[in-house]
Structures are given as C-alpha cells and as structure tokens.
Amino acid sequence: MPLVHISLLKGKPREHIRAIADGVHEALVETFKVPADDRFQLIQQFERDDFIYDDGYLGVDRSDDVVFIHITASDWRDTATKQAFYRALVAKLVASPGLRPEDVMIVLGPNRRDDWSFGRGIAQYVENAA
C-alpha cells in the first residue's frame, strides 16, 4: 500500500493535477503490482515562496513545472523494480499532462509491513494481527 504525496506549485488546472495523480497510480499498478483499488494520494499545492528547489542540481534543468512525488511503500521491492517504476512514471507524465522528464522528481520512502495500520488500530499486513 503506497501512500503518495504529490507536491507542485499552485495554479495548475485540475485536469493537469488529476493526470499526475492518475499517472502515478497507473505506474504503481503496472510496476509495483499494487492492486487497482489500493489508491491513497495527498496532493499539495504551494505558493511560489513556499516551494524551493535547485533548478540545476545534478545537471537536471528543472522549471517551475517541477513536481515532487514522495511515495511511502514497503521496502521489499528490488532496485530493478524501482528503476522500472521511475521510467514508467516519467513516460506517463510526459504523455499526460505533458511534463518534461526533468520536472519529475521521485523519492521512495521505504518502510516495513508492520509500519501500516489501515484502520481499527490493527496492523493488517502482520500475520495474526489483532
């Protein structure tokens, strides 16, 4: 169960934002094999003064269309799967809503299965959870 945080500058149309959210979810379903109904996303839009980034860090030329995507997900996926996810997500966001590859920053925040409770105070991913 990934928990997705999408951060971007204020001012984009709802369709643009929804295309980003949909692209993230589609890439997770395809590469991480997340169930289609396992969708939990938080979208934050920031004022320009509250959205700070280096526009040239590591030789990547970012614009004000940059989107930060932070995903908390269980840590059992290997490097090849993560790299496939990065490629799939960028391809989807280039196709819709038309982002530049340089404007997609992805961060995975790994955790373990016992770090999740989906409600009722139960760690549902833990065997014999009660």
Protein backbone atom coordinates (compact mmCIF):
# COMPACT_ATOMS: atom_id res chain seq x y z
CA MET A 1 0.00 0.00 0.00
CA PRO A 2 1.84 3.07 -1.13
CA LEU A 3 0.96 6.43 0.34
CA VAL A 4 1.66 9.06 -2.32
CA HIS A 5 2.42 12.74 -1.69
CA ILE A 6 2.38 14.94 -4.80
CA SER A 7 3.71 18.49 -4.40
CA LEU A 8 3.66 21.24 -7.01
CA LEU A 9 3.24 24.98 -7.46
CA LYS A 10 -0.28 26.41 -7.26
CA GLY A 11 -2.02 27.43 -10.44
CA LYS A 12 -2.28 24.26 -12.50
CA PRO A 13 -5.71 23.21 -13.80
CA ARG A 14 -7.50 20.35 -12.01
CA GLU A 15 -7.11 18.20 -15.13
CA HIS A 16 -3.33 18.65 -15.01
CA ILE A 17 -3.20 17.65 -11.37
CA ARG A 18 -5.50 14.67 -11.89
CA ALA A 19 -3.36 13.47 -14.80
CA ILE A 20 -0.33 13.45 -12.50
CA ALA A 21 -2.22 11.54 -9.79
CA ASP A 22 -3.57 9.05 -12.34
CA GLY A 23 -0.13 8.55 -13.89
CA VAL A 24 1.44 7.82 -10.52
CA HIS A 25 -1.23 5.27 -9.70
CA GLU A 26 -1.04 3.59 -13.12
CA ALA A 27 2.75 3.25 -12.84
CA LEU A 28 2.42 1.74 -9.35
CA VAL A 29 -0.15 -0.77 -10.58
CA GLU A 30 1.98 -1.74 -13.58
CA THR A 31 5.42 -1.94 -12.00
CA PHE A 32 4.89 -2.42 -8.25
CA LYS A 33 1.86 -4.69 -8.86
CA VAL A 34 -0.25 -2.59 -6.49
CA PRO A 35 -3.94 -3.58 -6.55
CA ALA A 36 -6.01 -1.16 -8.65
CA ASP A 37 -8.18 -0.21 -5.66
CA ASP A 38 -5.14 0.48 -3.45
CA ARG A 39 -5.02 4.24 -4.05
CA PHE A 40 -4.11 6.73 -1.33
CA GLN A 41 -2.79 10.10 -2.53
CA LEU A 42 -2.29 13.51 -0.96
CA ILE A 43 -1.83 16.50 -3.25
CA GLN A 44 -0.32 19.74 -2.01
CA GLN A 45 -0.10 22.95 -3.99
CA PHE A 46 2.32 25.58 -2.77
CA GLU A 47 2.76 29.32 -3.20
CA ARG A 48 5.97 30.19 -5.07
CA ASP A 49 7.74 31.41 -1.89
CA ASP A 50 6.97 28.11 -0.15
CA PHE A 51 8.22 25.85 -2.94
CA ILE A 52 12.00 25.88 -3.01
CA TYR A 53 14.15 23.74 -5.29
CA ASP A 54 17.51 23.92 -7.04
CA ASP A 55 16.84 24.31 -10.75
CA GLY A 56 20.11 22.67 -11.78
CA TYR A 57 21.03 20.10 -9.11
CA LEU A 58 22.95 17.11 -10.54
CA GLY A 59 22.78 18.66 -14.01
CA VAL A 60 18.99 18.38 -14.28
CA ASP A 61 17.42 21.55 -15.70
CA ARG A 62 14.18 21.98 -13.71
CA SER A 63 11.42 24.52 -14.36
CA ASP A 64 8.52 25.80 -12.28
CA ASP A 65 6.55 22.82 -13.62
CA VAL A 66 8.60 20.54 -11.35
CA VAL A 67 6.59 18.00 -9.38
CA PHE A 68 7.87 16.27 -6.25
CA ILE A 69 6.45 12.78 -5.80
CA HIS A 70 7.18 11.15 -2.45
CA ILE A 71 5.95 7.60 -2.03
CA THR A 72 5.98 5.68 1.22
CA ALA A 73 5.90 1.97 0.37
CA SER A 74 7.03 -1.35 1.80
CA ASP A 75 10.75 -1.96 1.35
CA TRP A 76 10.66 -5.37 -0.31
CA ARG A 77 10.98 -4.21 -3.94
CA ASP A 78 14.37 -4.60 -5.62
CA THR A 79 16.37 -1.92 -7.42
CA ALA A 80 15.36 -3.12 -10.90
CA THR A 81 11.66 -2.82 -9.99
CA LYS A 82 12.19 0.68 -8.61
CA GLN A 83 14.04 1.74 -11.75
CA ALA A 84 11.24 0.32 -13.92
CA PHE A 85 8.78 2.35 -11.86
CA TYR A 86 10.78 5.57 -12.34
CA ARG A 87 10.89 5.05 -16.12
CA ALA A 88 7.21 4.12 -16.38
CA LEU A 89 6.09 7.07 -14.27
CA VAL A 90 8.13 9.63 -16.20
CA ALA A 91 6.86 8.24 -19.52
CA LYS A 92 3.26 8.52 -18.30
CA LEU A 93 3.70 12.09 -17.06
CA VAL A 94 5.38 13.14 -20.31
CA ALA A 95 2.40 11.71 -22.21
CA SER A 96 -0.15 13.33 -19.88
CA PRO A 97 -0.18 16.07 -18.68
CA GLY A 98 2.89 16.85 -20.80
CA LEU A 99 5.60 17.29 -18.18
CA ARG A 100 9.25 17.40 -19.14
CA PRO A 101 11.23 14.41 -17.77
CA GLU A 102 13.46 16.89 -15.96
CA ASP A 103 10.47 18.15 -13.98
CA VAL A 104 9.59 14.83 -12.33
CA MET A 105 11.37 14.19 -9.02
CA ILE A 106 10.57 10.90 -7.30
CA VAL A 107 11.50 9.84 -3.78
CA LEU A 108 10.69 6.44 -2.31
CA GLY A 109 10.42 6.28 1.47
CA PRO A 110 10.69 2.61 2.37
CA ASN A 111 9.17 1.05 5.43
CA ARG A 112 8.11 -2.41 6.61
CA ARG A 113 4.77 -4.15 6.54
CA ASP A 114 4.32 -3.79 10.29
CA ASP A 115 4.52 0.01 9.89
CA TRP A 116 0.98 0.15 8.42
CA SER A 117 -2.44 0.23 10.03
CA PHE A 118 -5.36 0.71 7.64
CA GLY A 119 -7.89 1.30 10.37
CA ARG A 120 -9.32 -0.12 13.59
CA GLY A 121 -5.87 0.03 15.23
CA ILE A 122 -4.83 -3.20 13.51
CA ALA A 123 -1.64 -3.88 11.56
CA GLN A 124 -3.44 -5.69 8.73
CA TYR A 125 -0.24 -6.76 6.98
CA VAL A 126 1.00 -8.55 10.11
CA GLU A 127 0.13 -12.22 10.44
CA ASN A 128 -2.34 -12.82 13.26
CA ALA A 129 -2.88 -9.08 13.70
CA ALA A 130 -5.44 -8.25 16.33
